[in-house]
Amino acid sequence: SQFMDQNNPLSGLTHKRRLSALGPGGLSRERAGLEVRDVHPSHYGRMCPIETPEGPNIGLIGSLSVYARVNPFGFIETP
């Protein structure tokens, strides 16, 4: 868990749309290889390929694309 960035309304919205492959049931920074961190064709329209942090979390933390949404079953949908 982390505190929400409240510098401006846009940063708060971006923080709420963040995706992570880390945590329980996910990956660890040490075990994640280049294949996991790279952009996959199934991410098209669902995850932004540009907005990812630099450093050890690159490719493991991302953001939803503009029109993507999470359905009630937990899947990411795109129009």
N, C-alpha and C. Protein backbone atom coordinates (compact mmCIF):
# COMPACT_ATOMS: atom_id res chain seq x y z
N SER A 1 0.84 -1.17 0.00
CA SER A 1 0.00 0.00 0.00
C SER A 1 0.88 1.23 0.00
N GLN A 2 0.38 2.31 -0.53
CA GLN A 2 1.14 3.55 -0.56
C GLN A 2 0.18 4.72 -0.52
N PHE A 3 0.69 5.85 -0.09
CA PHE A 3 -0.14 7.05 -0.01
C PHE A 3 -0.42 7.57 -1.41
N MET A 4 -1.64 8.10 -1.61
CA MET A 4 -2.01 8.63 -2.91
C MET A 4 -1.36 9.98 -3.14
N ASP A 5 -0.84 10.15 -4.34
CA ASP A 5 -0.23 11.41 -4.73
C ASP A 5 -1.32 12.45 -4.91
N GLN A 6 -1.31 13.51 -4.10
CA GLN A 6 -2.37 14.51 -4.13
C GLN A 6 -1.85 15.88 -4.57
N ASN A 7 -0.85 15.89 -5.45
CA ASN A 7 -0.34 17.18 -5.94
C ASN A 7 -1.39 17.92 -6.75
N ASN A 8 -2.08 17.20 -7.61
CA ASN A 8 -3.15 17.79 -8.40
C ASN A 8 -4.14 16.67 -8.75
N PRO A 9 -5.31 17.01 -9.26
CA PRO A 9 -6.32 15.98 -9.55
C PRO A 9 -5.86 14.95 -10.58
N LEU A 10 -5.06 15.37 -11.55
CA LEU A 10 -4.61 14.44 -12.59
C LEU A 10 -3.65 13.39 -12.03
N SER A 11 -2.77 13.78 -11.12
CA SER A 11 -1.85 12.80 -10.53
C SER A 11 -2.61 11.81 -9.65
N GLY A 12 -3.67 12.25 -8.99
CA GLY A 12 -4.49 11.33 -8.20
C GLY A 12 -5.21 10.33 -9.08
N LEU A 13 -5.72 10.77 -10.23
CA LEU A 13 -6.39 9.88 -11.17
C LEU A 13 -5.41 8.87 -11.75
N THR A 14 -4.21 9.31 -12.09
CA THR A 14 -3.19 8.41 -12.62
C THR A 14 -2.81 7.36 -11.58
N HIS A 15 -2.73 7.77 -10.34
CA HIS A 15 -2.38 6.84 -9.26
C HIS A 15 -3.44 5.75 -9.12
N LYS A 16 -4.70 6.09 -9.29
CA LYS A 16 -5.79 5.12 -9.17
C LYS A 16 -5.83 4.14 -10.34
N ARG A 17 -5.26 4.51 -11.50
CA ARG A 17 -5.28 3.66 -12.68
C ARG A 17 -3.99 2.86 -12.85
N ARG A 18 -3.19 2.77 -11.82
CA ARG A 18 -1.91 2.08 -11.87
C ARG A 18 -2.09 0.58 -11.72
N LEU A 19 -1.28 -0.18 -12.48
CA LEU A 19 -1.29 -1.65 -12.44
C LEU A 19 0.05 -2.14 -11.93
N SER A 20 0.05 -3.25 -11.22
CA SER A 20 1.29 -3.80 -10.69
C SER A 20 1.32 -5.31 -10.85
N ALA A 21 2.48 -5.83 -11.24
CA ALA A 21 2.69 -7.27 -11.33
C ALA A 21 3.40 -7.79 -10.09
N LEU A 22 3.64 -6.92 -9.12
CA LEU A 22 4.35 -7.29 -7.89
C LEU A 22 3.35 -7.66 -6.80
N GLY A 23 3.85 -8.26 -5.74
CA GLY A 23 3.01 -8.55 -4.58
C GLY A 23 2.70 -10.01 -4.42
N PRO A 24 1.83 -10.34 -3.45
CA PRO A 24 1.49 -11.75 -3.22
C PRO A 24 0.77 -12.35 -4.43
N GLY A 25 1.22 -13.49 -4.87
CA GLY A 25 0.65 -14.13 -6.05
C GLY A 25 1.20 -13.57 -7.34
N GLY A 26 2.10 -12.61 -7.26
CA GLY A 26 2.69 -11.99 -8.44
C GLY A 26 4.17 -12.28 -8.55
N LEU A 27 4.87 -11.36 -9.12
CA LEU A 27 6.31 -11.50 -9.35
C LEU A 27 7.10 -10.75 -8.29
N SER A 28 8.39 -11.03 -8.24
CA SER A 28 9.31 -10.24 -7.42
C SER A 28 10.28 -9.55 -8.37
N ARG A 29 10.85 -8.45 -7.94
CA ARG A 29 11.77 -7.70 -8.80
C ARG A 29 12.96 -8.55 -9.22
N GLU A 30 13.43 -9.40 -8.32
CA GLU A 30 14.62 -10.19 -8.59
C GLU A 30 14.35 -11.31 -9.60
N ARG A 31 13.17 -11.88 -9.59
CA ARG A 31 12.86 -13.03 -10.44
C ARG A 31 12.27 -12.63 -11.79
N ALA A 32 11.91 -11.39 -11.98
CA ALA A 32 11.29 -10.95 -13.23
C ALA A 32 12.36 -10.75 -14.30
N GLY A 33 12.24 -11.48 -15.38
CA GLY A 33 13.20 -11.37 -16.48
C GLY A 33 12.78 -10.33 -17.50
N LEU A 34 13.54 -10.25 -18.58
CA LEU A 34 13.25 -9.27 -19.62
C LEU A 34 11.96 -9.59 -20.36
N GLU A 35 11.63 -10.87 -20.50
CA GLU A 35 10.41 -11.23 -21.23
C GLU A 35 9.17 -10.70 -20.53
N VAL A 36 9.17 -10.71 -19.21
CA VAL A 36 8.01 -10.24 -18.44
C VAL A 36 7.91 -8.73 -18.51
N ARG A 37 9.04 -8.05 -18.53
CA ARG A 37 9.06 -6.58 -18.51
C ARG A 37 8.78 -5.96 -19.87
N ASP A 38 8.94 -6.73 -20.94
CA ASP A 38 8.76 -6.20 -22.29
C ASP A 38 7.27 -6.06 -22.62
N VAL A 39 6.97 -5.26 -23.63
CA VAL A 39 5.59 -5.04 -24.07
C VAL A 39 5.12 -6.27 -24.84
N HIS A 40 3.95 -6.78 -24.48
CA HIS A 40 3.36 -7.95 -25.13
C HIS A 40 2.22 -7.48 -26.04
N PRO A 41 1.98 -8.16 -27.18
CA PRO A 41 0.88 -7.74 -28.06
C PRO A 41 -0.49 -7.71 -27.39
N SER A 42 -0.71 -8.51 -26.36
CA SER A 42 -2.01 -8.50 -25.68
C SER A 42 -2.22 -7.24 -24.84
N HIS A 43 -1.17 -6.44 -24.63
CA HIS A 43 -1.30 -5.19 -23.88
C HIS A 43 -1.89 -4.07 -24.74
N TYR A 44 -1.98 -4.27 -26.06
CA TYR A 44 -2.43 -3.22 -26.96
C TYR A 44 -3.83 -2.74 -26.58
N GLY A 45 -3.96 -1.45 -26.29
CA GLY A 45 -5.23 -0.86 -25.92
C GLY A 45 -5.60 -1.05 -24.46
N ARG A 46 -4.86 -1.86 -23.75
CA ARG A 46 -5.17 -2.13 -22.34
C ARG A 46 -4.19 -1.44 -21.39
N MET A 47 -2.90 -1.56 -21.70
CA MET A 47 -1.86 -0.95 -20.86
C MET A 47 -1.05 0.04 -21.68
N CYS A 48 -0.68 1.14 -21.06
CA CYS A 48 0.15 2.14 -21.72
C CYS A 48 1.59 1.63 -21.78
N PRO A 49 2.18 1.52 -22.98
CA PRO A 49 3.55 1.01 -23.07
C PRO A 49 4.61 2.02 -22.66
N ILE A 50 4.23 3.26 -22.47
CA ILE A 50 5.20 4.32 -22.18
C ILE A 50 5.27 4.63 -20.70
N GLU A 51 4.14 4.65 -20.03
CA GLU A 51 4.10 5.10 -18.64
C GLU A 51 4.48 3.96 -17.69
N THR A 52 5.76 3.83 -17.42
CA THR A 52 6.30 2.85 -16.48
C THR A 52 7.48 3.50 -15.78
N PRO A 53 7.71 3.20 -14.52
CA PRO A 53 8.81 3.86 -13.81
C PRO A 53 10.17 3.38 -14.30
N GLU A 54 11.18 4.19 -14.06
CA GLU A 54 12.55 3.79 -14.35
C GLU A 54 13.11 3.06 -13.14
N GLY A 55 14.16 2.32 -13.34
CA GLY A 55 14.80 1.62 -12.24
C GLY A 55 14.37 0.17 -12.14
N PRO A 56 14.40 -0.41 -10.94
CA PRO A 56 14.12 -1.85 -10.80
C PRO A 56 12.67 -2.24 -11.09
N ASN A 57 11.75 -1.29 -11.09
CA ASN A 57 10.33 -1.60 -11.35
C ASN A 57 9.93 -1.42 -12.80
N ILE A 58 10.87 -1.17 -13.69
CA ILE A 58 10.52 -0.91 -15.09
C ILE A 58 9.81 -2.13 -15.69
N GLY A 59 8.68 -1.90 -16.29
CA GLY A 59 7.90 -2.96 -16.91
C GLY A 59 7.03 -3.76 -15.95
N LEU A 60 7.23 -3.61 -14.65
CA LEU A 60 6.44 -4.35 -13.67
C LEU A 60 5.28 -3.52 -13.14
N ILE A 61 5.39 -2.22 -13.26
CA ILE A 61 4.32 -1.31 -12.85
C ILE A 61 3.94 -0.49 -14.07
N GLY A 62 2.67 -0.44 -14.38
CA GLY A 62 2.20 0.29 -15.54
C GLY A 62 0.90 1.00 -15.24
N SER A 63 0.27 1.52 -16.29
CA SER A 63 -1.00 2.22 -16.14
C SER A 63 -1.97 1.74 -17.20
N LEU A 64 -3.25 1.87 -16.89
CA LEU A 64 -4.29 1.54 -17.87
C LEU A 64 -4.24 2.55 -19.01
N SER A 65 -4.59 2.10 -20.21
CA SER A 65 -4.70 3.02 -21.34
C SER A 65 -5.90 3.94 -21.14
N VAL A 66 -6.05 4.89 -22.03
CA VAL A 66 -7.06 5.93 -21.87
C VAL A 66 -8.47 5.35 -21.79
N TYR A 67 -8.85 4.48 -22.71
CA TYR A 67 -10.22 3.97 -22.75
C TYR A 67 -10.37 2.58 -22.12
N ALA A 68 -9.32 2.06 -21.51
CA ALA A 68 -9.41 0.74 -20.88
C ALA A 68 -10.16 0.83 -19.56
N ARG A 69 -10.80 -0.27 -19.20
CA ARG A 69 -11.50 -0.33 -17.91
C ARG A 69 -11.44 -1.76 -17.40
N VAL A 70 -11.66 -1.92 -16.12
CA VAL A 70 -11.67 -3.25 -15.50
C VAL A 70 -13.13 -3.66 -15.31
N ASN A 71 -13.50 -4.84 -15.86
CA ASN A 71 -14.89 -5.29 -15.76
C ASN A 71 -15.14 -5.92 -14.38
N PRO A 72 -16.38 -6.28 -14.05
CA PRO A 72 -16.68 -6.84 -12.73
C PRO A 72 -15.94 -8.15 -12.42
N PHE A 73 -15.46 -8.85 -13.45
CA PHE A 73 -14.75 -10.10 -13.24
C PHE A 73 -13.24 -9.89 -13.07
N GLY A 74 -12.78 -8.66 -13.19
CA GLY A 74 -11.37 -8.35 -12.99
C GLY A 74 -10.53 -8.35 -14.26
N PHE A 75 -11.16 -8.48 -15.43
CA PHE A 75 -10.44 -8.46 -16.69
C PHE A 75 -10.39 -7.04 -17.24
N ILE A 76 -9.30 -6.72 -17.91
CA ILE A 76 -9.15 -5.39 -18.51
C ILE A 76 -9.79 -5.43 -19.89
N GLU A 77 -10.75 -4.52 -20.13
CA GLU A 77 -11.46 -4.44 -21.40
C GLU A 77 -11.06 -3.18 -22.14
N THR A 78 -11.15 -3.25 -23.45
CA THR A 78 -10.92 -2.09 -24.29
C THR A 78 -12.00 -2.04 -25.36
N PRO A 79 -12.43 -0.85 -25.76
CA PRO A 79 -13.51 -0.78 -26.77
C PRO A 79 -13.08 -1.26 -28.14
